[in-house]
Each structure stands twice: as C-alpha cells, then as structure tokens.
Amino acid sequence: MRVVKMRSIVTCILLSIVTCGIYALMWMAKLHNDVARINGEVENGGTVVALSLLTCGIYGVYWAYTMGERIQRFSGKNDGLLYAILTLFGLNILTLCMVQNELNRFSRA
C-alpha cells in the first residue's frame, strides 16, 4: 500500500487554472497532509490553507520554506529556500509542482 497518492502535475496545474486557484489551495492541503503522513506528523492541511489565506500569503511563504526541510527527511534534498522565494514572488504553483514531483518520486520508490 502506498503512503501517498501519485498525482499528475499537469492535471493539477490545469485544474488550478480552470478553478481560478481554488484547486491549488486544495492541492496545497493535500501536499501538506501527504508529507505529514510520510514523516509521521499530524495532518493539518486545512489549517495551513486557512492560515495562508488569513495572513494574505505570508504563512504560505513560511510553509513553502518548511516543506523543503520536511521533504529532506525522506528525500535528502532541501529546496526550502527555493520554494520560499518562488512563493514570495507569486509563483506558488511552481512550488506545488516541485513538491508534488518529490512526492511522486517517493511514491515510485
């Protein structure tokens, strides 16, 4: 049994565009929960999305940075600074794609 579900990055991008970003918020919550499940942490993706919305995206930058550290625990690769910079400049979709790519790699292994 797989711990995380493999998702098509192209499909997630298209759904995010078609839904004007609403799917991107759901995707963010799913990514958070998947990484938490792998690391044996509490799954609180909804809280992450709510805090990102309440802080007008500031928490989203922090989340992106910490995702790099959390992904490092199972992949050995920490791109947290890159994720934070991309998110800070409004390219959160790229951060989501990169995190999903790492999860897909983990799922295949």
Foldseek 3Di string as FASTA:
>chain_A
DFLADQDDLVVLVVVCVVVVNPSVLVLQLSLQQSLCSVVVHDRDSVVQSVVCVVVVNPSVLVVQLVLQVSLCVPPVGRPSVVCSVCSVVPNNSVSSSVSSVSVNVVRVD
